[in-house]
Amino acid sequence: AQAKPNPNCERTKCRRRFEFPPFRNSSTSVAQHSEMQNTSGKWRIVTRNPNVSTTTGVDWEKWEAQHEPPTVYDPPQLKTGYYRTGGKVDPRWCAMLCCSMADSRSPWCRPCITACVPCCIFGTKFVDLREPDDFFATVLREESPDAPDVMRGVFWMQDNVTAPEQIITLSDAEWRTPSSGLKSTRYNWTRDSTCWGLSFYCMPHFKPDHPEIGNVRIEISPSGKWIWMQGDQLVYIVQPHDVIRDGAGQPLDMPAGTLMRLTYNGGDPKNKLNYQYLLSRVAFKHSKDGAIVKTAAYEVFQQQLRYEPVYRCSCCGVGLCLNDDEFITATKSLSPSQMYMPKP
């Protein structure tokens, strides 16, 4: 009888690391695909999108025939009333509006976080994003040569106000093909040095092989216009001739290659838009000499890191019992102090 491979063998572990369930149009059969999914769970397709198959991924031909690209950037989460249900504060957002536990600069337990987290999660580092040059060089060091150009650089999650995270890289993902990869959420992904940020930081370290918590699966459409990620996460890649307008109909200065993150009910663009933000490239590595080049979005990012809002009621520099307008104003005040783990 043929000997079974030892699951603890380093060669077996390495082989499993690079197994990758195929996307649509691959010659691999569904049976082979399912076998690979069972072998390496972090590659498993998790979706709430009716246009995404758990076995073959996205049928992009059907997708692009049914859905028009977005032409408006008007984030619902930056509008008054988003955080209320029936006129009352939705319990999900109480920590944001009432006690500032989820404020990007929340001081609660911060000394404990900065002292204890590196001891509990080895490799954790802290960075002040107001002086990011060394940090940019570190996170761009592990760019994959197979990463598509649109994924290269350092991205700021602009207007992602309900999540305590600021900076991410995508070029360090495991790129199996130029259009498909797997990004670990443990590495080169910063979170605020707050209690809320700590919860986001710990989850992928506790479940590194989970297909949603520890990883983000990335699939780029053949047209180069869309990216589908795990669950209901959609990204539109702004094209050179696109005209993106704000909610008032005014054209926005949005460079080609900007990644517009979109969440619709049920993951379907035919339904209501629930959430919208930008992955704005703030820096990238020059292709010739490797120098770090900063973009116009970097200046906007630095302004928000230094912005000091004024509150009716505050404690230790953060607002308390915020109304909707105050909260939306407070979202422009970002935390310079971030924790992250460099990719080994």
Protein backbone atom coordinates (compact mmCIF):
# COMPACT_ATOMS: atom_id res chain seq x y z
CA ALA A 1 0.00 0.00 0.00
CA GLN A 2 1.12 3.52 -0.70
CA ALA A 3 2.33 5.36 2.38
CA LYS A 4 0.29 8.36 3.44
CA PRO A 5 2.13 11.70 3.60
CA ASN A 6 3.13 12.85 7.06
CA PRO A 7 1.11 16.04 7.77
CA ASN A 8 3.95 17.29 9.99
CA CYS A 9 6.56 16.92 7.27
CA GLU A 10 8.00 20.28 6.21
CA ARG A 11 7.77 19.31 2.53
CA THR A 12 4.08 18.47 2.95
CA LYS A 13 3.44 21.76 4.72
CA CYS A 14 5.17 23.69 1.95
CA ARG A 15 3.17 21.91 -0.74
CA ARG A 16 -0.09 22.64 1.06
CA ARG A 17 0.81 26.28 1.45
CA PHE A 18 0.80 26.79 -2.30
CA GLU A 19 -2.24 24.69 -3.22
CA PHE A 20 -4.80 27.00 -4.79
CA PRO A 21 -8.38 26.19 -5.80
CA PRO A 22 -8.85 27.21 -9.45
CA PHE A 23 -11.08 29.99 -10.69
CA ARG A 24 -13.63 29.75 -13.47
CA ASN A 25 -12.27 28.69 -16.87
CA SER A 26 -9.61 26.51 -15.22
CA SER A 27 -9.15 23.01 -16.57
CA THR A 28 -9.21 21.53 -13.07
CA SER A 29 -12.38 19.57 -12.36
CA VAL A 30 -14.85 20.45 -9.60
CA ALA A 31 -13.92 17.21 -7.83
CA GLN A 32 -10.23 18.16 -7.84
CA HIS A 33 -11.17 21.67 -6.73
CA SER A 34 -13.17 20.36 -3.76
CA GLU A 35 -10.30 18.08 -2.76
CA MET A 36 -7.91 21.05 -2.76
CA GLN A 37 -10.37 23.10 -0.69
CA ASN A 38 -10.51 20.39 1.95
CA THR A 39 -6.72 20.18 2.01
CA SER A 40 -6.09 23.86 2.54
CA GLY A 41 -9.01 25.61 4.23
CA LYS A 42 -7.66 29.14 3.98
CA TRP A 43 -8.21 29.04 0.21
CA ARG A 44 -11.86 28.02 0.59
CA ILE A 45 -14.32 30.34 -1.18
CA VAL A 46 -16.69 32.01 1.28
CA THR A 47 -19.37 34.13 -0.36
CA ARG A 48 -22.68 35.85 0.25
CA ASN A 49 -22.76 37.04 -3.34
CA PRO A 50 -25.29 35.28 -5.59
CA ASN A 51 -22.96 35.74 -8.58
CA VAL A 52 -20.07 33.87 -6.96
CA SER A 53 -19.84 30.08 -6.90
CA THR A 54 -18.20 28.35 -3.95
CA THR A 55 -16.55 25.96 -6.38
CA THR A 56 -15.59 28.04 -9.41
CA GLY A 57 -15.51 31.65 -8.24
CA VAL A 58 -16.93 34.55 -10.23
CA ASP A 59 -18.52 34.21 -13.66
CA TRP A 60 -17.12 37.55 -14.80
CA GLU A 61 -18.76 37.49 -18.22
CA LYS A 62 -22.18 37.23 -16.61
CA TRP A 63 -21.24 39.68 -13.88
CA GLU A 64 -20.13 42.50 -16.17
CA ALA A 65 -23.11 42.03 -18.45
CA GLN A 66 -25.47 42.62 -15.51
CA HIS A 67 -23.71 45.37 -13.52
CA GLU A 68 -22.65 48.88 -14.46
CA PRO A 69 -19.54 50.39 -12.83
CA PRO A 70 -20.24 52.93 -10.05
CA THR A 71 -20.21 56.58 -11.06
CA VAL A 72 -20.86 58.17 -7.64
CA TYR A 73 -18.76 58.23 -4.51
CA ASP A 74 -21.08 59.11 -1.64
CA PRO A 75 -20.36 56.87 1.40
CA PRO A 76 -23.55 56.03 3.34
CA GLN A 77 -21.57 55.77 6.59
CA LEU A 78 -20.71 59.49 6.37
CA LYS A 79 -24.35 60.56 6.45
CA THR A 80 -26.40 61.46 9.50
CA GLY A 81 -28.89 58.80 10.45
CA TYR A 82 -26.67 55.89 9.36
CA TYR A 83 -26.00 54.94 12.98
CA ARG A 84 -29.60 55.12 14.15
CA THR A 85 -32.60 52.84 13.92
CA GLY A 86 -36.03 54.37 14.48
CA GLY A 87 -34.41 57.59 15.68
CA LYS A 88 -32.42 55.83 18.40
CA VAL A 89 -28.75 54.91 18.38
CA ASP A 90 -28.35 51.42 16.99
CA PRO A 91 -26.80 49.25 19.76
CA ARG A 92 -24.04 48.21 17.36
CA TRP A 93 -22.71 51.77 17.31
CA CYS A 94 -23.07 52.71 20.99
CA ALA A 95 -19.32 52.34 21.60
CA MET A 96 -18.69 54.87 18.84
CA LEU A 97 -21.28 57.49 19.68
CA CYS A 98 -21.53 57.27 23.46
CA CYS A 99 -18.22 56.44 25.13
CA SER A 100 -15.66 56.74 22.33
CA MET A 101 -14.33 53.23 22.90
CA ALA A 102 -14.18 52.90 19.13
CA ASP A 103 -12.71 56.34 18.49
CA SER A 104 -9.54 56.08 16.42
CA ARG A 105 -7.68 57.98 19.16
CA SER A 106 -9.43 56.43 22.15
CA PRO A 107 -7.03 56.55 25.15
CA TRP A 108 -8.74 53.80 27.14
CA CYS A 109 -6.24 51.04 28.04
CA ARG A 110 -3.71 52.30 25.49
CA PRO A 111 -0.70 52.00 27.87
CA CYS A 112 -1.63 48.36 28.52
CA ILE A 113 -2.00 47.68 24.80
CA THR A 114 1.39 49.11 23.86
CA ALA A 115 3.08 47.28 26.75
CA CYS A 116 1.38 43.89 26.59
CA VAL A 117 0.53 43.14 22.95
CA PRO A 118 4.17 42.67 21.79
CA CYS A 119 4.65 40.20 24.64
CA CYS A 120 1.55 38.18 23.71
CA ILE A 121 1.78 38.36 19.90
CA PHE A 122 5.46 38.13 19.05
CA GLY A 123 6.60 40.26 16.16
CA THR A 124 4.12 43.07 16.80
CA LYS A 125 5.45 46.53 16.08
CA PHE A 126 4.09 50.03 16.61
CA VAL A 127 4.44 52.90 14.18
CA ASP A 128 3.69 56.63 14.21
CA LEU A 129 2.17 57.25 10.79
CA ARG A 130 3.11 60.92 10.93
CA GLU A 131 6.69 59.77 10.25
CA PRO A 132 6.14 56.73 8.03
CA ASP A 133 9.23 56.57 5.78
CA ASP A 134 10.87 53.57 7.45
CA PHE A 135 7.50 51.88 7.82
CA PHE A 136 6.73 52.28 4.11
CA ALA A 137 10.10 50.77 3.23
CA THR A 138 9.40 47.81 5.54
CA VAL A 139 5.94 46.94 4.22
CA LEU A 140 6.99 47.35 0.58
CA ARG A 141 10.02 45.11 1.05
CA GLU A 142 7.98 41.93 0.48
CA GLU A 143 6.24 42.88 -2.76
CA SER A 144 5.65 39.81 -4.89
CA PRO A 145 7.11 39.95 -8.41
CA ASP A 146 3.84 38.37 -9.59
CA ALA A 147 1.60 41.09 -8.13
CA PRO A 148 -0.35 43.11 -10.74
CA ASP A 149 0.59 46.78 -10.96
CA VAL A 150 -2.79 47.95 -9.65
CA MET A 151 -2.09 46.09 -6.38
CA ARG A 152 1.32 47.65 -5.78
CA GLY A 153 1.96 50.34 -3.20
CA VAL A 154 0.75 51.34 0.26
CA PHE A 155 -3.00 51.89 0.55
CA TRP A 156 -4.94 54.02 3.03
CA MET A 157 -8.46 52.82 3.81
CA GLN A 158 -9.97 56.28 3.39
CA ASP A 159 -13.46 56.78 4.93
CA ASN A 160 -13.50 53.26 6.39
CA VAL A 161 -14.72 54.87 9.59
CA THR A 162 -16.34 51.90 11.35
CA ALA A 163 -13.20 49.73 11.29
CA PRO A 164 -10.06 50.54 13.35
CA GLU A 165 -7.56 50.03 10.52
CA GLN A 166 -5.66 52.48 8.36
CA ILE A 167 -2.90 51.05 6.14
CA ILE A 168 -2.68 47.89 4.05
CA THR A 169 -0.50 46.41 1.31
CA LEU A 170 -1.80 43.95 -1.29
CA SER A 171 1.29 43.29 -3.38
CA ASP A 172 2.66 40.99 -0.65
CA ALA A 173 -0.19 38.52 -1.13
CA GLU A 174 0.49 35.01 -2.42
CA TRP A 175 -0.16 35.63 -6.11
CA ARG A 176 -0.83 32.33 -7.86
CA THR A 177 -1.67 34.09 -11.13
CA PRO A 178 -1.63 37.78 -12.16
CA SER A 179 -5.35 37.93 -11.36
CA SER A 180 -5.70 35.77 -8.25
CA GLY A 181 -4.08 35.79 -4.84
CA LEU A 182 -4.49 35.37 -1.11
CA LYS A 183 -3.67 38.19 1.31
CA SER A 184 -2.96 37.31 4.94
CA THR A 185 -4.65 39.79 7.27
CA ARG A 186 -1.90 39.27 9.86
CA TYR A 187 0.87 40.99 7.96
CA ASN A 188 1.36 44.59 6.77
CA TRP A 189 -2.15 45.57 7.88
CA THR A 190 -2.28 48.25 10.57
CA ARG A 191 -4.85 48.63 13.35
CA ASP A 192 -5.42 51.49 15.76
CA SER A 193 -3.67 51.17 19.13
CA THR A 194 -7.04 51.07 20.91
CA CYS A 195 -9.29 48.46 22.52
CA TRP A 196 -11.37 48.33 19.32
CA GLY A 197 -8.25 48.05 17.22
CA LEU A 198 -6.89 45.29 19.45
CA SER A 199 -9.94 43.13 18.77
CA PHE A 200 -9.35 43.44 15.03
CA TYR A 201 -5.64 42.79 15.44
CA CYS A 202 -5.99 39.64 17.52
CA MET A 203 -8.56 37.78 15.42
CA PRO A 204 -6.35 36.89 12.42
CA HIS A 205 -3.49 35.90 14.71
CA PHE A 206 -5.75 33.48 16.57
CA LYS A 207 -7.24 32.07 13.34
CA PRO A 208 -4.51 32.48 10.70
CA ASP A 209 -5.90 29.80 8.35
CA HIS A 210 -9.53 30.95 8.46
CA PRO A 211 -10.68 31.86 4.92
CA GLU A 212 -12.27 35.15 6.06
CA ILE A 213 -10.75 36.10 9.41
CA GLY A 214 -7.13 35.26 8.63
CA ASN A 215 -7.11 35.79 4.88
CA VAL A 216 -8.63 37.79 2.04
CA ARG A 217 -9.03 36.00 -1.26
CA ILE A 218 -8.57 38.31 -4.26
CA GLU A 219 -9.86 37.75 -7.79
CA ILE A 220 -9.45 40.41 -10.51
CA SER A 221 -11.80 40.41 -13.49
CA PRO A 222 -10.37 39.85 -16.99
CA SER A 223 -11.43 43.39 -17.94
CA GLY A 224 -9.36 44.82 -15.06
CA LYS A 225 -12.36 46.74 -13.69
CA TRP A 226 -13.55 44.65 -10.75
CA ILE A 227 -12.07 42.80 -7.79
CA TRP A 228 -14.03 40.28 -5.80
CA MET A 229 -12.88 39.46 -2.28
CA GLN A 230 -14.23 37.03 0.28
CA GLY A 231 -17.84 37.27 1.42
CA ASP A 232 -19.61 40.34 0.03
CA GLN A 233 -16.53 42.51 -0.55
CA LEU A 234 -16.39 44.16 -3.96
CA VAL A 235 -13.85 46.63 -5.30
CA TYR A 236 -14.12 48.74 -8.43
CA ILE A 237 -10.85 49.81 -10.07
CA VAL A 238 -11.28 53.40 -11.31
CA GLN A 239 -10.47 53.54 -15.02
CA PRO A 240 -8.59 56.35 -16.88
CA HIS A 241 -11.71 57.82 -18.50
CA ASP A 242 -14.09 57.42 -15.55
CA VAL A 243 -15.78 60.51 -14.13
CA ILE A 244 -16.66 59.85 -10.49
CA ARG A 245 -19.00 62.39 -8.88
CA ASP A 246 -19.93 63.12 -5.28
CA GLY A 247 -23.46 63.04 -3.87
CA ALA A 248 -24.10 66.59 -5.13
CA GLY A 249 -23.10 65.68 -8.68
CA GLN A 250 -19.73 67.43 -8.61
CA PRO A 251 -16.79 65.63 -10.29
CA LEU A 252 -14.13 64.30 -7.94
CA ASP A 253 -10.40 64.20 -8.50
CA MET A 254 -10.05 60.43 -8.34
CA PRO A 255 -6.95 59.06 -10.10
CA ALA A 256 -7.12 55.99 -12.31
CA GLY A 257 -6.18 52.92 -10.34
CA THR A 258 -7.96 54.07 -7.17
CA LEU A 259 -9.69 51.12 -5.56
CA MET A 260 -13.30 51.83 -4.58
CA ARG A 261 -14.55 49.38 -1.96
CA LEU A 262 -18.31 48.66 -2.13
CA THR A 263 -20.73 46.67 0.02
CA TYR A 264 -24.25 46.03 -1.23
CA ASN A 265 -27.12 44.17 0.39
CA GLY A 266 -26.46 40.52 -0.37
CA GLY A 267 -23.26 41.45 -2.16
CA ASP A 268 -25.26 42.31 -5.30
CA PRO A 269 -24.84 45.76 -6.96
CA LYS A 270 -28.50 45.62 -7.99
CA ASN A 271 -29.35 46.13 -4.32
CA LYS A 272 -28.89 49.06 -1.94
CA LEU A 273 -25.36 50.32 -1.27
CA ASN A 274 -24.56 49.91 2.44
CA TYR A 275 -20.93 50.95 2.68
CA GLN A 276 -18.32 52.63 0.50
CA TYR A 277 -14.74 53.72 0.97
CA LEU A 278 -11.49 54.13 -0.96
CA LEU A 279 -8.24 52.24 -0.96
CA SER A 280 -6.17 55.31 -1.78
CA ARG A 281 -2.55 54.72 -2.75
CA VAL A 282 -0.41 56.96 -0.53
CA ALA A 283 3.00 55.63 -1.56
CA PHE A 284 4.66 53.21 -3.94
CA LYS A 285 8.09 51.93 -4.86
CA HIS A 286 9.69 53.42 -7.96
CA SER A 287 10.19 50.73 -10.58
CA LYS A 288 13.71 51.82 -11.51
CA ASP A 289 15.59 52.72 -8.34
CA GLY A 290 13.23 51.40 -5.64
CA ALA A 291 12.79 54.82 -4.03
CA ILE A 292 9.56 55.40 -2.09
CA VAL A 293 7.31 57.87 -3.93
CA LYS A 294 4.44 59.59 -2.10
CA THR A 295 1.21 60.60 -3.81
CA ALA A 296 -1.30 63.45 -3.46
CA ALA A 297 -3.45 61.18 -1.27
CA TYR A 298 -0.55 61.04 1.21
CA GLU A 299 -1.01 64.75 1.95
CA VAL A 300 -4.73 64.28 2.68
CA PHE A 301 -3.86 61.32 4.90
CA GLN A 302 -1.35 63.40 6.89
CA GLN A 303 -3.91 66.18 7.36
CA GLN A 304 -6.35 63.74 8.95
CA LEU A 305 -3.63 62.34 11.22
CA ARG A 306 -3.11 65.87 12.56
CA TYR A 307 -6.71 67.05 12.61
CA GLU A 308 -8.00 68.08 16.07
CA PRO A 309 -11.82 68.13 16.30
CA VAL A 310 -13.70 70.16 18.90
CA TYR A 311 -16.35 68.42 21.03
CA ARG A 312 -19.19 69.66 23.24
CA CYS A 313 -18.28 67.02 25.82
CA SER A 314 -14.87 65.36 25.92
CA CYS A 315 -12.44 63.46 28.09
CA CYS A 316 -8.72 62.88 27.49
CA GLY A 317 -9.00 64.41 24.04
CA VAL A 318 -11.88 62.31 22.67
CA GLY A 319 -15.57 63.15 22.46
CA LEU A 320 -18.33 61.69 24.61
CA CYS A 321 -22.06 61.35 23.87
CA LEU A 322 -21.55 62.45 20.28
CA ASN A 323 -24.41 63.36 18.02
CA ASP A 324 -24.30 62.17 14.42
CA ASP A 325 -22.69 65.34 13.06
CA GLU A 326 -19.98 65.31 15.72
CA PHE A 327 -19.18 61.68 15.03
CA ILE A 328 -18.87 62.22 11.30
CA THR A 329 -16.56 65.17 12.01
CA ALA A 330 -14.55 63.01 14.42
CA THR A 331 -13.97 60.40 11.72
CA LYS A 332 -11.61 62.88 10.03
CA SER A 333 -9.35 62.57 13.07
CA LEU A 334 -7.18 59.49 12.55
CA SER A 335 -4.87 57.78 15.04
CA PRO A 336 -1.17 58.13 14.20
CA SER A 337 -0.37 55.23 16.55
CA GLN A 338 -0.80 51.89 14.77
CA MET A 339 0.15 48.29 15.52
CA TYR A 340 1.10 45.84 12.82
CA MET A 341 3.26 42.82 12.06
CA PRO A 342 5.73 42.89 9.15
CA LYS A 343 5.59 39.95 6.80
CA PRO A 344 8.42 37.58 7.72
